[in-house]
Amino acid sequence: MTKWIIGGHVDTADAVVQAAAREADIAQISLGDPTSWKKPVCNFPGGPQALREAAGEAGLTLVVHSAFVINVASLNNRIRIPSRKLLQQTLDAAAEVGAMGVVVHGGHVRAGESIEKGQDNWRKAIDSLEMPVPLFVENTAGGDNAMARFLERLSGTWEAIGAASGHERVGFCLDTCHAFAAGLDMTSLVDDVRGITGRIDLVHANDSQGAVGSGRDRHANLGEGQCEADTLVDVIHAAQAPIVVETPGDAEGQARDIAWLRKRL
């Protein structure tokens, strides 16, 4: 990349000011409560159009993280069907604020359920979605029945997505903490992921509180967790994509991490 696009996760209501406090080029936001099934809302003063204009004036790229409750892979109708609905609403809301895309977790099935059916539910979801902005599937840290934790599982999930109409609008978000905690080989990670997905559209640059292979989704500030600092930088550099830190410490902690990255990249 000629210029590294680096930023952090900020509150929507104050997104542009918070991004400036981090010296960020990109701001990741949630539209509404990420733990709720409620329809996405943009609580920026003046609404989505005002946020779009303010971000444009500031030269700030926006990306939306969808609600954590979404699990389109689920075999449970009472989770899968509302998940698709909420994901569609999030894509539409992200388009209104002018976001570059929407990040969504890969999801999972329950113990003893068919992995293949969960993966095929991804195909059905992509078939049913209208994507005014791209959708970025994010790898996850834990869960033996997760769709995007292990490489071979991601491969099957990506194959299922590839069979859907509109699959070219589906990209990949690589989370470094999740990959480390999942036990993936960090030295070959970017090549391994690209070999499956053909692309990396966004990086979540996070260190890991948990040990390698622990399955713990606990982010640490860069250079302060269990992941070897040089390895972390090598992964982020190799991915050649916009970078969002989702690290502790609010504006101060994330500003430090953004500066840490800029210095090393």
Protein backbone atom coordinates (compact mmCIF):
# COMPACT_ATOMS: atom_id res chain seq x y z
CA MET A 1 0.00 0.00 0.00
CA THR A 2 1.32 3.45 -0.85
CA LYS A 3 -0.35 4.92 2.24
CA TRP A 4 -1.37 2.85 5.21
CA ILE A 5 -5.00 3.45 6.20
CA ILE A 6 -5.07 2.92 9.95
CA GLY A 7 -7.74 3.67 12.54
CA GLY A 8 -9.81 2.33 15.40
CA HIS A 9 -13.26 1.43 16.65
CA VAL A 10 -15.16 4.53 17.79
CA ASP A 11 -18.60 5.54 19.09
CA THR A 12 -20.93 6.47 16.24
CA ALA A 13 -22.39 9.52 18.02
CA ASP A 14 -18.98 11.18 18.11
CA ALA A 15 -17.23 9.26 15.33
CA VAL A 16 -15.37 12.06 13.54
CA VAL A 17 -14.07 13.72 16.72
CA GLN A 18 -13.06 10.37 18.20
CA ALA A 19 -11.26 9.40 14.99
CA ALA A 20 -9.35 12.70 15.09
CA ALA A 21 -8.34 12.01 18.72
CA ARG A 22 -6.80 8.73 17.50
CA GLU A 23 -5.23 10.37 14.40
CA ALA A 24 -7.21 7.78 12.47
CA ASP A 25 -7.80 7.51 8.72
CA ILE A 26 -10.55 4.91 9.17
CA ALA A 27 -13.24 4.57 11.84
CA GLN A 28 -15.14 1.39 12.59
CA ILE A 29 -18.59 1.96 14.08
CA SER A 30 -21.55 -0.07 15.32
CA LEU A 31 -24.99 1.10 14.26
CA GLY A 32 -26.96 0.55 17.45
CA ASP A 33 -26.34 -1.91 20.29
CA PRO A 34 -24.03 -4.70 19.00
CA THR A 35 -25.53 -7.14 21.52
CA SER A 36 -29.14 -6.50 20.46
CA TRP A 37 -31.49 -7.75 17.71
CA LYS A 38 -32.93 -4.25 17.29
CA LYS A 39 -32.85 -2.57 13.90
CA PRO A 40 -29.62 -0.59 13.31
CA VAL A 41 -29.72 3.12 14.12
CA CYS A 42 -27.25 5.90 13.39
CA ASN A 43 -27.13 8.09 16.49
CA PHE A 44 -24.77 10.64 14.95
CA PRO A 45 -26.32 14.14 15.32
CA GLY A 46 -28.28 14.80 12.13
CA GLY A 47 -28.43 11.11 11.21
CA PRO A 48 -26.72 9.00 8.52
CA GLN A 49 -26.44 11.73 5.88
CA ALA A 50 -24.78 14.10 8.37
CA LEU A 51 -22.26 11.40 9.34
CA ARG A 52 -21.56 10.65 5.70
CA GLU A 53 -20.87 14.33 4.99
CA ALA A 54 -18.81 14.90 8.15
CA ALA A 55 -16.65 11.82 7.43
CA GLY A 56 -16.23 12.97 3.82
CA GLU A 57 -15.10 16.43 4.88
CA ALA A 58 -12.61 14.88 7.34
CA GLY A 59 -11.29 12.45 4.73
CA LEU A 60 -12.35 9.62 7.04
CA THR A 61 -13.20 6.13 5.76
CA LEU A 62 -16.04 4.39 7.64
CA VAL A 63 -16.61 0.67 8.14
CA VAL A 64 -19.51 -0.86 10.06
CA HIS A 65 -19.26 -3.82 12.43
CA SER A 66 -22.51 -5.76 12.53
CA ALA A 67 -24.13 -6.98 15.75
CA PHE A 68 -22.43 -9.88 17.54
CA VAL A 69 -25.76 -11.75 17.81
CA ILE A 70 -25.85 -12.38 14.05
CA ASN A 71 -25.24 -16.04 13.15
CA VAL A 72 -26.38 -16.82 9.60
CA ALA A 73 -24.82 -20.31 9.84
CA SER A 74 -27.16 -21.39 12.67
CA LEU A 75 -29.43 -24.39 12.10
CA ASN A 76 -31.93 -22.84 14.52
CA ASN A 77 -34.60 -20.95 12.55
CA ARG A 78 -35.17 -18.56 15.46
CA ILE A 79 -31.55 -17.40 15.17
CA ARG A 80 -30.81 -17.81 11.47
CA ILE A 81 -33.85 -15.99 10.06
CA PRO A 82 -33.55 -12.91 12.35
CA SER A 83 -29.79 -12.93 11.63
CA ARG A 84 -30.35 -12.59 7.90
CA LYS A 85 -32.89 -9.84 8.45
CA LEU A 86 -30.59 -7.88 10.79
CA LEU A 87 -27.63 -8.34 8.44
CA GLN A 88 -29.67 -6.96 5.52
CA GLN A 89 -30.75 -3.98 7.64
CA THR A 90 -27.11 -3.39 8.61
CA LEU A 91 -25.92 -3.46 5.00
CA ASP A 92 -28.62 -0.95 4.06
CA ALA A 93 -27.77 1.30 7.03
CA ALA A 94 -24.04 1.10 6.21
CA ALA A 95 -24.76 2.24 2.66
CA GLU A 96 -26.61 5.27 4.05
CA VAL A 97 -23.54 6.42 6.02
CA GLY A 98 -21.25 5.75 3.03
CA ALA A 99 -19.30 2.91 4.68
CA MET A 100 -16.75 0.86 2.72
CA GLY A 101 -18.38 -2.35 3.98
CA VAL A 102 -19.88 -4.36 6.83
CA VAL A 103 -17.94 -6.80 9.02
CA VAL A 104 -19.76 -9.93 10.22
CA HIS A 105 -18.52 -12.88 12.28
CA GLY A 106 -18.47 -16.30 10.63
CA GLY A 107 -20.91 -17.83 13.10
CA HIS A 108 -21.24 -21.45 14.21
CA VAL A 109 -23.50 -24.46 14.61
CA ARG A 110 -24.14 -26.27 17.89
CA ALA A 111 -22.21 -29.36 19.01
CA GLY A 112 -23.27 -32.46 17.07
CA GLU A 113 -24.91 -30.45 14.26
CA SER A 114 -23.79 -30.67 10.63
CA ILE A 115 -20.94 -28.29 9.78
CA GLU A 116 -21.82 -28.65 6.09
CA LYS A 117 -25.40 -27.49 6.71
CA GLY A 118 -24.03 -24.46 8.56
CA GLN A 119 -21.76 -23.70 5.63
CA ASP A 120 -24.63 -24.12 3.19
CA ASN A 121 -26.62 -21.65 5.27
CA TRP A 122 -23.92 -19.15 4.36
CA ARG A 123 -24.62 -19.82 0.68
CA LYS A 124 -28.36 -19.32 1.26
CA ALA A 125 -27.71 -16.11 3.19
CA ILE A 126 -25.56 -14.59 0.45
CA ASP A 127 -28.13 -15.68 -2.15
CA SER A 128 -30.85 -13.83 -0.24
CA LEU A 129 -28.95 -10.62 0.58
CA GLU A 130 -28.87 -7.41 -1.40
CA MET A 131 -25.44 -5.89 -0.85
CA PRO A 132 -25.31 -2.15 -1.50
CA VAL A 133 -21.88 -2.29 0.21
CA PRO A 134 -19.49 -5.28 0.45
CA LEU A 135 -19.74 -7.79 3.30
CA PHE A 136 -16.52 -8.82 5.08
CA VAL A 137 -16.57 -12.19 6.85
CA GLU A 138 -14.32 -12.17 9.94
CA ASN A 139 -12.38 -15.13 11.31
CA THR A 140 -13.17 -16.03 14.92
CA ALA A 141 -11.03 -17.13 17.86
CA GLY A 142 -12.91 -20.00 19.47
CA GLY A 143 -15.51 -22.70 19.07
CA ASP A 144 -14.99 -26.19 17.66
CA ASN A 145 -18.08 -25.74 15.46
CA ALA A 146 -17.22 -22.28 14.14
CA MET A 147 -17.41 -21.52 10.41
CA ALA A 148 -14.29 -19.33 10.25
CA ARG A 149 -11.88 -20.39 12.99
CA PHE A 150 -9.81 -23.15 11.35
CA LEU A 151 -8.42 -22.90 7.80
CA GLU A 152 -10.03 -26.10 6.54
CA ARG A 153 -13.38 -24.93 7.93
CA LEU A 154 -12.95 -21.49 6.37
CA SER A 155 -12.20 -23.24 3.09
CA GLY A 156 -15.52 -25.10 3.16
CA THR A 157 -17.39 -21.96 4.18
CA TRP A 158 -15.77 -19.96 1.38
CA GLU A 159 -16.62 -22.66 -1.14
CA ALA A 160 -20.27 -22.49 -0.05
CA ILE A 161 -20.27 -18.68 -0.30
CA GLY A 162 -18.67 -18.94 -3.76
CA ALA A 163 -21.68 -20.94 -4.98
CA ALA A 164 -24.05 -18.06 -4.16
CA SER A 165 -25.09 -15.29 -6.51
CA GLY A 166 -23.45 -12.04 -5.40
CA HIS A 167 -20.45 -13.85 -3.88
CA GLU A 168 -18.08 -11.34 -5.51
CA ARG A 169 -19.41 -8.75 -3.01
CA VAL A 170 -18.18 -10.89 -0.11
CA GLY A 171 -14.71 -10.10 1.22
CA PHE A 172 -12.61 -11.11 4.20
CA CYS A 173 -11.65 -9.39 7.46
CA LEU A 174 -8.55 -10.85 9.10
CA ASP A 175 -8.41 -10.47 12.89
CA THR A 176 -4.87 -11.08 14.17
CA CYS A 177 -5.91 -11.82 17.79
CA HIS A 178 -8.54 -14.31 16.63
CA ALA A 179 -6.06 -16.06 14.31
CA PHE A 180 -3.44 -16.33 17.07
CA ALA A 181 -5.95 -17.53 19.68
CA ALA A 182 -7.37 -20.01 17.15
CA GLY A 183 -3.91 -21.56 16.91
CA LEU A 184 -3.25 -20.67 13.26
CA ASP A 185 0.34 -20.43 11.98
CA MET A 186 1.03 -16.69 12.01
CA THR A 187 4.12 -16.99 9.78
CA SER A 188 2.07 -18.31 6.84
CA LEU A 189 -1.30 -16.82 7.86
CA VAL A 190 -1.75 -14.24 5.10
CA ASP A 191 -0.73 -16.65 2.33
CA ASP A 192 -2.94 -19.37 3.84
CA VAL A 193 -5.98 -17.07 4.02
CA ARG A 194 -5.42 -15.61 0.54
CA GLY A 195 -5.06 -19.16 -0.79
CA ILE A 196 -8.63 -19.79 0.39
CA THR A 197 -10.41 -16.44 -0.06
CA GLY A 198 -8.27 -14.81 -2.75
CA ARG A 199 -8.49 -11.53 -0.83
CA ILE A 200 -8.11 -9.65 2.45
CA ASP A 201 -10.19 -6.48 2.54
CA LEU A 202 -9.68 -5.35 6.13
CA VAL A 203 -7.40 -6.16 9.06
CA HIS A 204 -8.42 -6.07 12.71
CA ALA A 205 -5.01 -5.45 14.28
CA ASN A 206 -5.20 -6.78 17.82
CA ASP A 207 -2.74 -8.43 20.17
CA SER A 208 -3.99 -11.38 22.23
CA GLN A 209 -4.38 -11.71 26.00
CA GLY A 210 -4.84 -15.46 25.55
CA ALA A 211 -2.09 -17.91 24.61
CA VAL A 212 -1.75 -19.37 21.12
CA GLY A 213 -4.54 -21.88 20.48
CA SER A 214 -6.39 -20.82 23.66
CA GLY A 215 -9.57 -19.96 21.74
CA ARG A 216 -9.88 -16.82 23.90
CA ASP A 217 -11.28 -13.72 22.17
CA ARG A 218 -9.56 -11.19 24.45
CA HIS A 219 -7.78 -8.32 22.74
CA ALA A 220 -4.60 -6.75 24.10
CA ASN A 221 -2.82 -3.54 23.11
CA LEU A 222 -0.20 -4.04 20.41
CA GLY A 223 3.12 -5.30 21.72
CA GLU A 224 1.60 -5.99 25.15
CA GLY A 225 -0.03 -9.38 24.56
CA GLN A 226 1.05 -12.94 23.85
CA CYS A 227 1.68 -12.45 20.13
CA GLU A 228 5.30 -11.76 19.16
CA ALA A 229 5.46 -8.10 18.07
CA ASP A 230 7.50 -8.58 14.89
CA THR A 231 5.26 -11.45 13.77
CA LEU A 232 2.18 -9.30 14.34
CA VAL A 233 3.66 -6.48 12.23
CA ASP A 234 4.68 -8.95 9.50
CA VAL A 235 1.10 -10.28 9.26
CA ILE A 236 -0.41 -6.79 9.10
CA HIS A 237 2.15 -5.65 6.52
CA ALA A 238 1.63 -8.72 4.33
CA ALA A 239 -2.16 -8.28 4.32
CA GLN A 240 -1.89 -4.90 2.53
CA ALA A 241 -5.36 -3.76 3.59
CA PRO A 242 -6.93 -0.98 5.67
CA ILE A 243 -6.33 -1.55 9.39
CA VAL A 244 -8.62 -1.11 12.40
CA VAL A 245 -7.39 -1.55 15.97
CA GLU A 246 -10.01 -2.82 18.43
CA THR A 247 -7.71 -2.61 21.43
CA PRO A 248 -8.37 -1.55 25.05
CA GLY A 249 -7.89 1.96 26.45
CA ASP A 250 -10.37 3.97 24.39
CA ALA A 251 -8.92 6.95 22.45
CA GLU A 252 -5.65 7.03 24.38
CA GLY A 253 -4.90 3.31 24.10
CA GLN A 254 -5.90 3.10 20.46
CA ALA A 255 -3.99 6.27 19.52
CA ARG A 256 -0.89 4.66 21.03
CA ASP A 257 -1.48 1.47 19.05
CA ILE A 258 -2.07 3.38 15.80
CA ALA A 259 1.19 5.30 16.34
CA TRP A 260 2.96 2.01 17.23
CA LEU A 261 1.80 0.51 13.93
CA ARG A 262 2.68 3.55 11.80
CA LYS A 263 6.21 3.52 13.21
CA ARG A 264 6.71 -0.18 12.45
CA LEU A 265 4.99 -0.45 9.07
